[in-house]
Amino acid sequence: MVAELALPALNEDSEDVSEAPPPGKGEKLASLVTEYYHQEALGQGADAAASVLASTLGLMEYQTDAHAAIRLDYITYALNFARDAGYGPVRTASLLSVVLSLLDATAAGSNYPEVEAIFKSEMVQLTSPKPSHDSTLFSPDQVAAVAHFMARTLFRHWRLYAYVFSQPQDLSEHTQGLLVETAVVPSFDAALHELEWTAAQAAASAARTAEAQAAVQAAAAAAVEAESAEARARVEMEADRRAEELARKPATLEEAVEHLVALRVDAERKTLAQEYAAKEEVLMAKLTELESREITRPPPTPTGKR
């Protein structure tokens, strides 16, 4: 079983104080662990923490690549186990180094006994009877806890991990052309001063207003002209009908009387129309004269009280 590791003889009375600092890879993983826990403490969410892991471990395609996603998931499991166990950043980095070695060996095609042997060998080298509070080494109890964690995760489902890592990742790429409209920015040579631009905008607005007013006036004039033409047409039709009635020879005495009355009324109407037209001309002439006098009259001199 994985949990049964052959540990070398340990001196239970001495505390390991001579261990070397983590190598370059260990320092990188320790910094990664610190940043990962920092992102979680900030409440940035799982996506921010996963982005930190992916960028440091070169797994940026984890959202589309199943191989990278599996690695990232298992590393996250190991980080959660280390946090629950109370490991510091250095010891957690040491555990991640072992986890990465096992994942690399599985992806490279190693069989189960070979991967198990790698785990036992690395954990034996990282075992100390009394390691310091946060170091690269593990106590025998910590080694047993790590072995139990690996047994119920990676080694229990090792065939699934090996199968996925041995299968090529299917990738489908699609290309879509999009038409994007961009603003047409004039050159600086054609740029205007702000005052000039404001004046040009005001002139353009005034021109649009004048055009709109002219269109409204033209429409009103056309409506008036159409109404006048319709009125003239009605008058002409009435005059034609009246002339036709007057020109028609009466057949009875009553028609003769009506005909004479109509002729007399028509003559009176024409006479009144001529008189009204003459009076209108006289009134218009007087109005024009009064208006000309009012225009040419000098303004009154203001007087004030002394």
C-alpha atoms as a PDB file:
ATOM      1  CA  MET A   1       0.000   0.000   0.000  1.00  0.00           C
ATOM      2  CA  VAL A   2       1.068   3.600  -0.515  1.00  0.00           C
ATOM      3  CA  ALA A   3       0.659   4.506   3.155  1.00  0.00           C
ATOM      4  CA  GLU A   4       3.264   1.904   4.165  1.00  0.00           C
ATOM      5  CA  LEU A   5       6.583   3.694   3.566  1.00  0.00           C
ATOM      6  CA  ALA A   6       9.918   2.157   4.539  1.00  0.00           C
ATOM      7  CA  LEU A   7      11.427   4.968   6.633  1.00  0.00           C
ATOM      8  CA  PRO A   8      15.141   4.994   7.538  1.00  0.00           C
ATOM      9  CA  ALA A   9      16.274   4.863  11.140  1.00  0.00           C
ATOM     10  CA  LEU A  10      15.635   8.260  12.762  1.00  0.00           C
ATOM     11  CA  ASN A  11      17.131   9.830  15.857  1.00  0.00           C
ATOM     12  CA  GLU A  12      14.049  10.728  17.874  1.00  0.00           C
ATOM     13  CA  ASP A  13      15.977  12.896  20.364  1.00  0.00           C
ATOM     14  CA  SER A  14      17.394  15.420  17.900  1.00  0.00           C
ATOM     15  CA  GLU A  15      15.635  18.174  16.021  1.00  0.00           C
ATOM     16  CA  ASP A  16      16.583  18.798  12.404  1.00  0.00           C
ATOM     17  CA  VAL A  17      18.135  22.257  12.289  1.00  0.00           C
ATOM     18  CA  SER A  18      20.681  21.702   9.515  1.00  0.00           C
ATOM     19  CA  GLU A  19      18.315  21.443   6.574  1.00  0.00           C
ATOM     20  CA  ALA A  20      19.249  23.591   3.582  1.00  0.00           C
ATOM     21  CA  PRO A  21      16.942  26.345   2.297  1.00  0.00           C
ATOM     22  CA  PRO A  22      14.629  25.376  -0.546  1.00  0.00           C
ATOM     23  CA  PRO A  23      16.241  25.367  -3.977  1.00  0.00           C
ATOM     24  CA  GLY A  24      15.143  27.658  -6.744  1.00  0.00           C
ATOM     25  CA  LYS A  25      12.118  25.542  -7.628  1.00  0.00           C
ATOM     26  CA  GLY A  26      11.138  25.376  -3.945  1.00  0.00           C
ATOM     27  CA  GLU A  27      11.381  29.136  -3.535  1.00  0.00           C
ATOM     28  CA  LYS A  28       9.224  29.595  -6.616  1.00  0.00           C
ATOM     29  CA  LEU A  29       6.607  27.182  -5.289  1.00  0.00           C
ATOM     30  CA  ALA A  30       6.686  28.812  -1.842  1.00  0.00           C
ATOM     31  CA  SER A  31       6.030  32.198  -3.413  1.00  0.00           C
ATOM     32  CA  LEU A  32       3.237  30.613  -5.431  1.00  0.00           C
ATOM     33  CA  VAL A  33       1.646  29.193  -2.277  1.00  0.00           C
ATOM     34  CA  THR A  34       1.854  32.549  -0.500  1.00  0.00           C
ATOM     35  CA  GLU A  35       0.258  34.372  -3.429  1.00  0.00           C
ATOM     36  CA  TYR A  36      -2.448  31.704  -3.759  1.00  0.00           C
ATOM     37  CA  TYR A  37      -3.444  32.017  -0.106  1.00  0.00           C
ATOM     38  CA  HIS A  38      -3.274  35.817  -0.413  1.00  0.00           C
ATOM     39  CA  GLN A  39      -5.753  35.794  -3.286  1.00  0.00           C
ATOM     40  CA  GLU A  40      -8.095  33.580  -1.299  1.00  0.00           C
ATOM     41  CA  ALA A  41      -7.801  35.875   1.732  1.00  0.00           C
ATOM     42  CA  LEU A  42      -8.721  38.866  -0.427  1.00  0.00           C
ATOM     43  CA  GLY A  43     -11.904  37.098  -1.454  1.00  0.00           C
ATOM     44  CA  GLN A  44     -11.050  37.342  -5.145  1.00  0.00           C
ATOM     45  CA  GLY A  45     -12.760  34.016  -5.809  1.00  0.00           C
ATOM     46  CA  ALA A  46     -11.662  30.729  -7.302  1.00  0.00           C
ATOM     47  CA  ASP A  47     -10.947  32.219 -10.734  1.00  0.00           C
ATOM     48  CA  ALA A  48      -8.340  34.669  -9.388  1.00  0.00           C
ATOM     49  CA  ALA A  49      -6.600  31.950  -7.333  1.00  0.00           C
ATOM     50  CA  ALA A  50      -6.653  29.551 -10.301  1.00  0.00           C
ATOM     51  CA  SER A  51      -5.165  32.260 -12.515  1.00  0.00           C
ATOM     52  CA  VAL A  52      -2.244  32.652 -10.090  1.00  0.00           C
ATOM     53  CA  LEU A  53      -1.525  28.922 -10.186  1.00  0.00           C
ATOM     54  CA  ALA A  54      -1.933  28.669 -13.950  1.00  0.00           C
ATOM     55  CA  SER A  55       0.350  31.614 -14.724  1.00  0.00           C
ATOM     56  CA  THR A  56       3.144  30.351 -12.453  1.00  0.00           C
ATOM     57  CA  LEU A  57       2.957  26.696 -13.495  1.00  0.00           C
ATOM     58  CA  GLY A  58       2.494  27.362 -17.210  1.00  0.00           C
ATOM     59  CA  LEU A  59      -1.094  26.082 -17.345  1.00  0.00           C
ATOM     60  CA  MET A  60      -2.738  29.136 -18.902  1.00  0.00           C
ATOM     61  CA  GLU A  61      -4.788  26.967 -21.284  1.00  0.00           C
ATOM     62  CA  TYR A  62      -6.569  25.184 -18.434  1.00  0.00           C
ATOM     63  CA  GLN A  63      -9.949  26.474 -19.613  1.00  0.00           C
ATOM     64  CA  THR A  64      -9.645  24.711 -22.980  1.00  0.00           C
ATOM     65  CA  ASP A  65      -7.015  21.987 -22.377  1.00  0.00           C
ATOM     66  CA  ALA A  66      -8.189  18.991 -20.315  1.00  0.00           C
ATOM     67  CA  HIS A  67      -4.616  17.979 -19.436  1.00  0.00           C
ATOM     68  CA  ALA A  68      -3.849  21.395 -17.944  1.00  0.00           C
ATOM     69  CA  ALA A  69      -7.222  21.506 -16.189  1.00  0.00           C
ATOM     70  CA  ILE A  70      -6.603  18.136 -14.478  1.00  0.00           C
ATOM     71  CA  ARG A  71      -3.167  19.224 -13.277  1.00  0.00           C
ATOM     72  CA  LEU A  72      -4.582  22.482 -11.947  1.00  0.00           C
ATOM     73  CA  ASP A  73      -7.441  20.732 -10.158  1.00  0.00           C
ATOM     74  CA  TYR A  74      -5.193  18.228  -8.420  1.00  0.00           C
ATOM     75  CA  ILE A  75      -2.731  20.917  -7.373  1.00  0.00           C
ATOM     76  CA  THR A  76      -5.679  22.797  -5.869  1.00  0.00           C
ATOM     77  CA  TYR A  77      -6.674  19.651  -3.946  1.00  0.00           C
ATOM     78  CA  ALA A  78      -3.139  19.390  -2.578  1.00  0.00           C
ATOM     79  CA  LEU A  79      -3.122  23.064  -1.541  1.00  0.00           C
ATOM     80  CA  ASN A  80      -6.430  22.659   0.291  1.00  0.00           C
ATOM     81  CA  PHE A  81      -5.087  19.543   2.066  1.00  0.00           C
ATOM     82  CA  ALA A  82      -1.938  21.420   3.123  1.00  0.00           C
ATOM     83  CA  ARG A  83      -3.945  24.375   4.394  1.00  0.00           C
ATOM     84  CA  ASP A  84      -6.267  22.127   6.408  1.00  0.00           C
ATOM     85  CA  ALA A  85      -3.236  20.324   7.840  1.00  0.00           C
ATOM     86  CA  GLY A  86      -1.718  23.637   8.957  1.00  0.00           C
ATOM     87  CA  TYR A  87       1.360  23.520   6.689  1.00  0.00           C
ATOM     88  CA  GLY A  88       3.346  26.695   6.116  1.00  0.00           C
ATOM     89  CA  PRO A  89       4.314  27.972   2.647  1.00  0.00           C
ATOM     90  CA  VAL A  90       7.677  26.138   2.614  1.00  0.00           C
ATOM     91  CA  ARG A  91       6.277  22.728   3.600  1.00  0.00           C
ATOM     92  CA  THR A  92       3.337  23.206   1.224  1.00  0.00           C
ATOM     93  CA  ALA A  93       5.810  23.977  -1.583  1.00  0.00           C
ATOM     94  CA  SER A  94       7.656  20.752  -0.744  1.00  0.00           C
ATOM     95  CA  LEU A  95       4.386  18.814  -1.003  1.00  0.00           C
ATOM     96  CA  LEU A  96       3.613  20.494  -4.351  1.00  0.00           C
ATOM     97  CA  SER A  97       7.024  19.439  -5.632  1.00  0.00           C
ATOM     98  CA  VAL A  98       6.151  15.805  -4.898  1.00  0.00           C
ATOM     99  CA  VAL A  99       2.694  16.173  -6.464  1.00  0.00           C
ATOM    100  CA  LEU A 100       4.157  17.713  -9.628  1.00  0.00           C
ATOM    101  CA  SER A 101       6.699  14.875  -9.890  1.00  0.00           C
ATOM    102  CA  LEU A 102       3.923  12.273  -9.707  1.00  0.00           C
ATOM    103  CA  LEU A 103       1.778  14.074 -12.279  1.00  0.00           C
ATOM    104  CA  ASP A 104       4.750  14.457 -14.635  1.00  0.00           C
ATOM    105  CA  ALA A 105       5.592  10.766 -14.298  1.00  0.00           C
ATOM    106  CA  THR A 106       1.976   9.759 -14.963  1.00  0.00           C
ATOM    107  CA  ALA A 107       1.787  12.022 -18.016  1.00  0.00           C
ATOM    108  CA  ALA A 108       5.096  10.620 -19.294  1.00  0.00           C
ATOM    109  CA  GLY A 109       3.648   7.084 -19.355  1.00  0.00           C
ATOM    110  CA  SER A 110       5.068   5.570 -16.169  1.00  0.00           C
ATOM    111  CA  ASN A 111       3.080   2.645 -14.802  1.00  0.00           C
ATOM    112  CA  TYR A 112       1.510   2.423 -11.374  1.00  0.00           C
ATOM    113  CA  PRO A 113       4.417   0.703  -9.549  1.00  0.00           C
ATOM    114  CA  GLU A 114       6.866   3.254 -10.981  1.00  0.00           C
ATOM    115  CA  VAL A 115       4.779   6.215  -9.850  1.00  0.00           C
ATOM    116  CA  GLU A 116       4.305   4.654  -6.418  1.00  0.00           C
ATOM    117  CA  ALA A 117       8.053   4.087  -6.119  1.00  0.00           C
ATOM    118  CA  ILE A 118       8.716   7.750  -6.998  1.00  0.00           C
ATOM    119  CA  PHE A 119       6.324   8.836  -4.252  1.00  0.00           C
ATOM    120  CA  LYS A 120       7.909   6.581  -1.637  1.00  0.00           C
ATOM    121  CA  SER A 121      11.438   7.634  -2.599  1.00  0.00           C
ATOM    122  CA  GLU A 122      10.720  11.366  -2.428  1.00  0.00           C
ATOM    123  CA  MET A 123       8.771  11.162   0.821  1.00  0.00           C
ATOM    124  CA  VAL A 124      11.528   9.126   2.497  1.00  0.00           C
ATOM    125  CA  GLN A 125      14.027  11.834   1.550  1.00  0.00           C
ATOM    126  CA  LEU A 126      11.726  14.517   2.991  1.00  0.00           C
ATOM    127  CA  THR A 127      11.167  12.761   6.348  1.00  0.00           C
ATOM    128  CA  SER A 128      12.628  14.079   9.610  1.00  0.00           C
ATOM    129  CA  PRO A 129      11.895  13.030  13.204  1.00  0.00           C
ATOM    130  CA  LYS A 130      11.401  16.576  14.456  1.00  0.00           C
ATOM    131  CA  PRO A 131      11.269  19.076  11.590  1.00  0.00           C
ATOM    132  CA  SER A 132      11.097  22.755  12.360  1.00  0.00           C
ATOM    133  CA  HIS A 133       7.782  24.617  12.290  1.00  0.00           C
ATOM    134  CA  ASP A 134       7.844  25.363   8.527  1.00  0.00           C
ATOM    135  CA  SER A 135      10.486  23.536   6.547  1.00  0.00           C
ATOM    136  CA  THR A 136      10.807  21.324   3.503  1.00  0.00           C
ATOM    137  CA  LEU A 137      10.694  18.182   5.688  1.00  0.00           C
ATOM    138  CA  PHE A 138       7.798  16.227   7.180  1.00  0.00           C
ATOM    139  CA  SER A 139       7.398  14.387  10.474  1.00  0.00           C
ATOM    140  CA  PRO A 140       6.416  10.692  10.402  1.00  0.00           C
ATOM    141  CA  ASP A 141       2.796  11.626  11.257  1.00  0.00           C
ATOM    142  CA  GLN A 142       2.746  14.199   8.464  1.00  0.00           C
ATOM    143  CA  VAL A 143       4.177  11.637   6.031  1.00  0.00           C
ATOM    144  CA  ALA A 144       1.394   9.224   6.988  1.00  0.00           C
ATOM    145  CA  ALA A 145      -1.221  11.954   6.412  1.00  0.00           C
ATOM    146  CA  VAL A 146       0.254  12.795   3.013  1.00  0.00           C
ATOM    147  CA  ALA A 147       0.333   9.103   2.064  1.00  0.00           C
ATOM    148  CA  HIS A 148      -3.326   8.761   3.069  1.00  0.00           C
ATOM    149  CA  PHE A 149      -4.218  11.827   0.994  1.00  0.00           C
ATOM    150  CA  MET A 150      -2.394  10.479  -2.061  1.00  0.00           C
ATOM    151  CA  ALA A 151      -3.911   7.021  -1.615  1.00  0.00           C
ATOM    152  CA  ARG A 152      -7.496   8.285  -1.625  1.00  0.00           C
ATOM    153  CA  THR A 153      -6.989  10.728  -4.515  1.00  0.00           C
ATOM    154  CA  LEU A 154      -4.299  10.161  -7.152  1.00  0.00           C
ATOM    155  CA  PHE A 155      -3.566   6.473  -6.569  1.00  0.00           C
ATOM    156  CA  ARG A 156      -7.214   5.494  -6.142  1.00  0.00           C
ATOM    157  CA  HIS A 157      -8.039   7.007  -9.536  1.00  0.00           C
ATOM    158  CA  TRP A 158      -4.616   6.535 -11.110  1.00  0.00           C
ATOM    159  CA  ARG A 159      -5.958   4.605 -14.133  1.00  0.00           C
ATOM    160  CA  LEU A 160      -8.247   7.518 -14.992  1.00  0.00           C
ATOM    161  CA  TYR A 161      -5.386  10.020 -14.738  1.00  0.00           C
ATOM    162  CA  ALA A 162      -3.128   7.785 -16.835  1.00  0.00           C
ATOM    163  CA  TYR A 163      -5.803   7.315 -19.486  1.00  0.00           C
ATOM    164  CA  VAL A 164      -6.562  11.024 -19.814  1.00  0.00           C
ATOM    165  CA  PHE A 165      -2.875  11.972 -19.987  1.00  0.00           C
ATOM    166  CA  SER A 166      -2.265   9.318 -22.658  1.00  0.00           C
ATOM    167  CA  GLN A 167      -5.061  10.516 -24.933  1.00  0.00           C
ATOM    168  CA  PRO A 168      -4.528  13.451 -27.302  1.00  0.00           C
ATOM    169  CA  GLN A 169      -6.639  16.494 -26.606  1.00  0.00           C
ATOM    170  CA  ASP A 170      -9.244  17.218 -29.277  1.00  0.00           C
ATOM    171  CA  LEU A 171      -9.223  20.839 -30.295  1.00  0.00           C
ATOM    172  CA  SER A 172     -11.728  22.538 -32.586  1.00  0.00           C
ATOM    173  CA  GLU A 173     -10.936  25.988 -33.912  1.00  0.00           C
ATOM    174  CA  HIS A 174     -13.475  28.276 -35.495  1.00  0.00           C
ATOM    175  CA  THR A 175     -12.905  31.581 -37.217  1.00  0.00           C
ATOM    176  CA  GLN A 176     -15.561  34.257 -37.407  1.00  0.00           C
ATOM    177  CA  GLY A 177     -15.197  37.469 -39.354  1.00  0.00           C
ATOM    178  CA  LEU A 178     -16.683  40.543 -37.753  1.00  0.00           C
ATOM    179  CA  LEU A 179     -17.292  43.936 -39.307  1.00  0.00           C
ATOM    180  CA  VAL A 180     -16.250  46.623 -36.836  1.00  0.00           C
ATOM    181  CA  GLU A 181     -17.077  50.253 -37.493  1.00  0.00           C
ATOM    182  CA  THR A 182     -14.438  52.694 -36.335  1.00  0.00           C
ATOM    183  CA  ALA A 183     -14.669  56.438 -36.014  1.00  0.00           C
ATOM    184  CA  VAL A 184     -13.166  58.533 -38.812  1.00  0.00           C
ATOM    185  CA  VAL A 185     -10.783  60.929 -37.091  1.00  0.00           C
ATOM    186  CA  PRO A 186      -9.767  63.944 -39.201  1.00  0.00           C
ATOM    187  CA  SER A 187      -6.131  64.900 -39.463  1.00  0.00           C
ATOM    188  CA  PHE A 188      -4.677  67.588 -37.228  1.00  0.00           C
ATOM    189  CA  ASP A 189      -4.138  69.763 -40.295  1.00  0.00           C
ATOM    190  CA  ALA A 190      -7.909  70.034 -40.721  1.00  0.00           C
ATOM    191  CA  ALA A 191      -8.514  70.655 -37.006  1.00  0.00           C
ATOM    192  CA  LEU A 192     -10.254  73.897 -35.952  1.00  0.00           C
ATOM    193  CA  HIS A 193      -9.835  76.077 -32.933  1.00  0.00           C
ATOM    194  CA  GLU A 194     -12.542  75.567 -30.346  1.00  0.00           C
ATOM    195  CA  LEU A 195     -14.058  78.995 -31.006  1.00  0.00           C
ATOM    196  CA  GLU A 196     -14.063  78.380 -34.753  1.00  0.00           C
ATOM    197  CA  TRP A 197     -15.591  74.954 -34.287  1.00  0.00           C
ATOM    198  CA  THR A 198     -18.288  76.391 -31.986  1.00  0.00           C
ATOM    199  CA  ALA A 199     -19.072  79.127 -34.522  1.00  0.00           C
ATOM    200  CA  ALA A 200     -19.258  76.561 -37.340  1.00  0.00           C
ATOM    201  CA  GLN A 201     -21.606  74.386 -35.302  1.00  0.00           C
ATOM    202  CA  ALA A 202     -23.793  77.420 -34.497  1.00  0.00           C
ATOM    203  CA  ALA A 203     -23.899  78.428 -38.172  1.00  0.00           C
ATOM    204  CA  ALA A 204     -24.804  74.894 -39.215  1.00  0.00           C
ATOM    205  CA  SER A 205     -27.535  74.774 -36.570  1.00  0.00           C
ATOM    206  CA  ALA A 206     -28.897  78.140 -37.730  1.00  0.00           C
ATOM    207  CA  ALA A 207     -28.868  76.960 -41.344  1.00  0.00           C
ATOM    208  CA  ARG A 208     -30.770  73.801 -40.405  1.00  0.00           C
ATOM    209  CA  THR A 209     -33.296  75.888 -38.454  1.00  0.00           C
ATOM    210  CA  ALA A 210     -33.748  78.279 -41.400  1.00  0.00           C
ATOM    211  CA  GLU A 211     -34.228  75.364 -43.790  1.00  0.00           C
ATOM    212  CA  ALA A 212     -36.833  73.838 -41.490  1.00  0.00           C
ATOM    213  CA  GLN A 213     -38.684  77.158 -41.187  1.00  0.00           C
ATOM    214  CA  ALA A 214     -38.551  77.684 -44.947  1.00  0.00           C
ATOM    215  CA  ALA A 215     -39.951  74.207 -45.484  1.00  0.00           C
ATOM    216  CA  VAL A 216     -42.790  74.906 -43.030  1.00  0.00           C
ATOM    217  CA  GLN A 217     -43.553  78.226 -44.695  1.00  0.00           C
ATOM    218  CA  ALA A 218     -43.478  76.668 -48.147  1.00  0.00           C
ATOM    219  CA  ALA A 219     -45.852  73.941 -47.016  1.00  0.00           C
ATOM    220  CA  ALA A 220     -48.204  76.551 -45.498  1.00  0.00           C
ATOM    221  CA  ALA A 221     -48.096  78.651 -48.681  1.00  0.00           C
ATOM    222  CA  ALA A 222     -48.798  75.607 -50.803  1.00  0.00           C
ATOM    223  CA  ALA A 223     -51.762  74.745 -48.591  1.00  0.00           C
ATOM    224  CA  VAL A 224     -53.121  78.308 -48.871  1.00  0.00           C
ATOM    225  CA  GLU A 225     -52.628  78.311 -52.622  1.00  0.00           C
ATOM    226  CA  ALA A 226     -54.391  74.979 -52.945  1.00  0.00           C
ATOM    227  CA  GLU A 227     -57.281  76.249 -50.836  1.00  0.00           C
ATOM    228  CA  SER A 228     -57.472  79.467 -52.920  1.00  0.00           C
ATOM    229  CA  ALA A 229     -57.424  77.493 -56.151  1.00  0.00           C
ATOM    230  CA  GLU A 230     -60.212  75.277 -54.835  1.00  0.00           C
ATOM    231  CA  ALA A 231     -62.249  78.358 -53.825  1.00  0.00           C
ATOM    232  CA  ARG A 232     -61.732  79.931 -57.242  1.00  0.00           C
ATOM    233  CA  ALA A 233     -62.789  76.732 -58.912  1.00  0.00           C
ATOM    234  CA  ARG A 234     -65.968  76.650 -56.835  1.00  0.00           C
ATOM    235  CA  VAL A 235     -66.723  80.299 -57.712  1.00  0.00           C
ATOM    236  CA  GLU A 236     -66.129  79.633 -61.391  1.00  0.00           C
ATOM    237  CA  MET A 237     -68.347  76.560 -61.310  1.00  0.00           C
ATOM    238  CA  GLU A 238     -71.088  78.521 -59.548  1.00  0.00           C
ATOM    239  CA  ALA A 239     -70.745  81.361 -62.079  1.00  0.00           C
ATOM    240  CA  ASP A 240     -70.975  78.938 -64.981  1.00  0.00           C
ATOM    241  CA  ARG A 241     -74.031  77.289 -63.460  1.00  0.00           C
ATOM    242  CA  ARG A 242     -75.622  80.716 -62.871  1.00  0.00           C
ATOM    243  CA  ALA A 243     -74.887  81.865 -66.404  1.00  0.00           C
ATOM    244  CA  GLU A 244     -76.340  78.660 -67.750  1.00  0.00           C
ATOM    245  CA  GLU A 245     -79.517  79.171 -65.753  1.00  0.00           C
ATOM    246  CA  LEU A 246     -79.833  82.797 -66.907  1.00  0.00           C
ATOM    247  CA  ALA A 247     -79.236  81.869 -70.526  1.00  0.00           C
ATOM    248  CA  ARG A 248     -81.874  79.196 -70.479  1.00  0.00           C
ATOM    249  CA  LYS A 249     -85.235  80.290 -72.027  1.00  0.00           C
ATOM    250  CA  PRO A 250     -88.094  80.039 -69.536  1.00  0.00           C
ATOM    251  CA  ALA A 251     -90.921  77.636 -70.478  1.00  0.00           C
ATOM    252  CA  THR A 252     -93.637  78.920 -68.115  1.00  0.00           C
ATOM    253  CA  LEU A 253     -94.741  82.171 -66.560  1.00  0.00           C
ATOM    254  CA  GLU A 254     -93.269  81.204 -63.213  1.00  0.00           C
ATOM    255  CA  GLU A 255     -89.931  80.448 -64.792  1.00  0.00           C
ATOM    256  CA  ALA A 256     -90.067  83.784 -66.602  1.00  0.00           C
ATOM    257  CA  VAL A 257     -90.644  85.605 -63.313  1.00  0.00           C
ATOM    258  CA  GLU A 258     -87.841  83.707 -61.632  1.00  0.00           C
ATOM    259  CA  HIS A 259     -85.611  84.430 -64.578  1.00  0.00           C
ATOM    260  CA  LEU A 260     -86.266  88.187 -64.389  1.00  0.00           C
ATOM    261  CA  VAL A 261     -85.694  88.171 -60.595  1.00  0.00           C
ATOM    262  CA  ALA A 262     -82.442  86.292 -61.040  1.00  0.00           C
ATOM    263  CA  LEU A 263     -81.252  88.753 -63.660  1.00  0.00           C
ATOM    264  CA  ARG A 264     -82.110  91.688 -61.405  1.00  0.00           C
ATOM    265  CA  VAL A 265     -80.345  90.072 -58.403  1.00  0.00           C
ATOM    266  CA  ASP A 266     -77.291  89.280 -60.478  1.00  0.00           C
ATOM    267  CA  ALA A 267     -77.099  92.838 -61.746  1.00  0.00           C
ATOM    268  CA  GLU A 268     -77.431  94.181 -58.192  1.00  0.00           C
ATOM    269  CA  ARG A 269     -74.746  91.811 -56.975  1.00  0.00           C
ATOM    270  CA  LYS A 270     -72.327  92.966 -59.644  1.00  0.00           C
ATOM    271  CA  THR A 271     -73.071  96.609 -58.824  1.00  0.00           C
ATOM    272  CA  LEU A 272     -72.477  96.033 -55.113  1.00  0.00           C
ATOM    273  CA  ALA A 273     -69.280  94.130 -55.842  1.00  0.00           C
ATOM    274  CA  GLN A 274     -67.964  97.028 -57.906  1.00  0.00           C
ATOM    275  CA  GLU A 275     -68.893  99.524 -55.199  1.00  0.00           C
ATOM    276  CA  TYR A 276     -67.251  97.444 -52.484  1.00  0.00           C
ATOM    277  CA  ALA A 277     -64.138  97.080 -54.613  1.00  0.00           C
ATOM    278  CA  ALA A 278     -63.961 100.860 -55.126  1.00  0.00           C
ATOM    279  CA  LYS A 279     -64.420 101.492 -51.388  1.00  0.00           C
ATOM    280  CA  GLU A 280     -61.730  98.920 -50.578  1.00  0.00           C
ATOM    281  CA  GLU A 281     -59.281 100.673 -52.894  1.00  0.00           C
ATOM    282  CA  VAL A 282     -60.011 104.006 -51.190  1.00  0.00           C
ATOM    283  CA  LEU A 283     -59.529 102.477 -47.708  1.00  0.00           C
ATOM    284  CA  MET A 284     -56.276 100.780 -48.712  1.00  0.00           C
ATOM    285  CA  ALA A 285     -54.961 104.072 -50.114  1.00  0.00           C
ATOM    286  CA  LYS A 286     -55.791 105.846 -46.838  1.00  0.00           C
ATOM    287  CA  LEU A 287     -54.129 103.111 -44.794  1.00  0.00           C
ATOM    288  CA  THR A 288     -51.005 103.341 -46.928  1.00  0.00           C
ATOM    289  CA  GLU A 289     -50.914 107.112 -46.494  1.00  0.00           C
ATOM    290  CA  LEU A 290     -51.325 106.832 -42.693  1.00  0.00           C
ATOM    291  CA  GLU A 291     -48.576 104.258 -42.480  1.00  0.00           C
ATOM    292  CA  SER A 292     -46.187 106.434 -44.500  1.00  0.00           C
ATOM    293  CA  ARG A 293     -46.921 109.406 -42.226  1.00  0.00           C
ATOM    294  CA  GLU A 294     -46.323 107.303 -39.120  1.00  0.00           C
ATOM    295  CA  ILE A 295     -42.989 106.103 -40.460  1.00  0.00           C
ATOM    296  CA  THR A 296     -41.744 109.573 -41.441  1.00  0.00           C
ATOM    297  CA  ARG A 297     -42.960 111.249 -38.231  1.00  0.00           C
ATOM    298  CA  PRO A 298     -40.013 112.030 -35.874  1.00  0.00           C
ATOM    299  CA  PRO A 299     -40.173 110.313 -32.451  1.00  0.00           C
ATOM    300  CA  PRO A 300     -41.582 112.414 -29.607  1.00  0.00           C
ATOM    301  CA  THR A 301     -39.091 114.254 -27.416  1.00  0.00           C
ATOM    302  CA  PRO A 302     -39.156 112.768 -23.890  1.00  0.00           C
ATOM    303  CA  THR A 303     -40.024 115.275 -21.191  1.00  0.00           C
ATOM    304  CA  GLY A 304     -39.122 114.924 -17.556  1.00  0.00           C
ATOM    305  CA  LYS A 305     -40.142 116.604 -14.337  1.00  0.00           C
ATOM    306  CA  ARG A 306     -37.895 119.210 -12.819  1.00  0.00           C
END
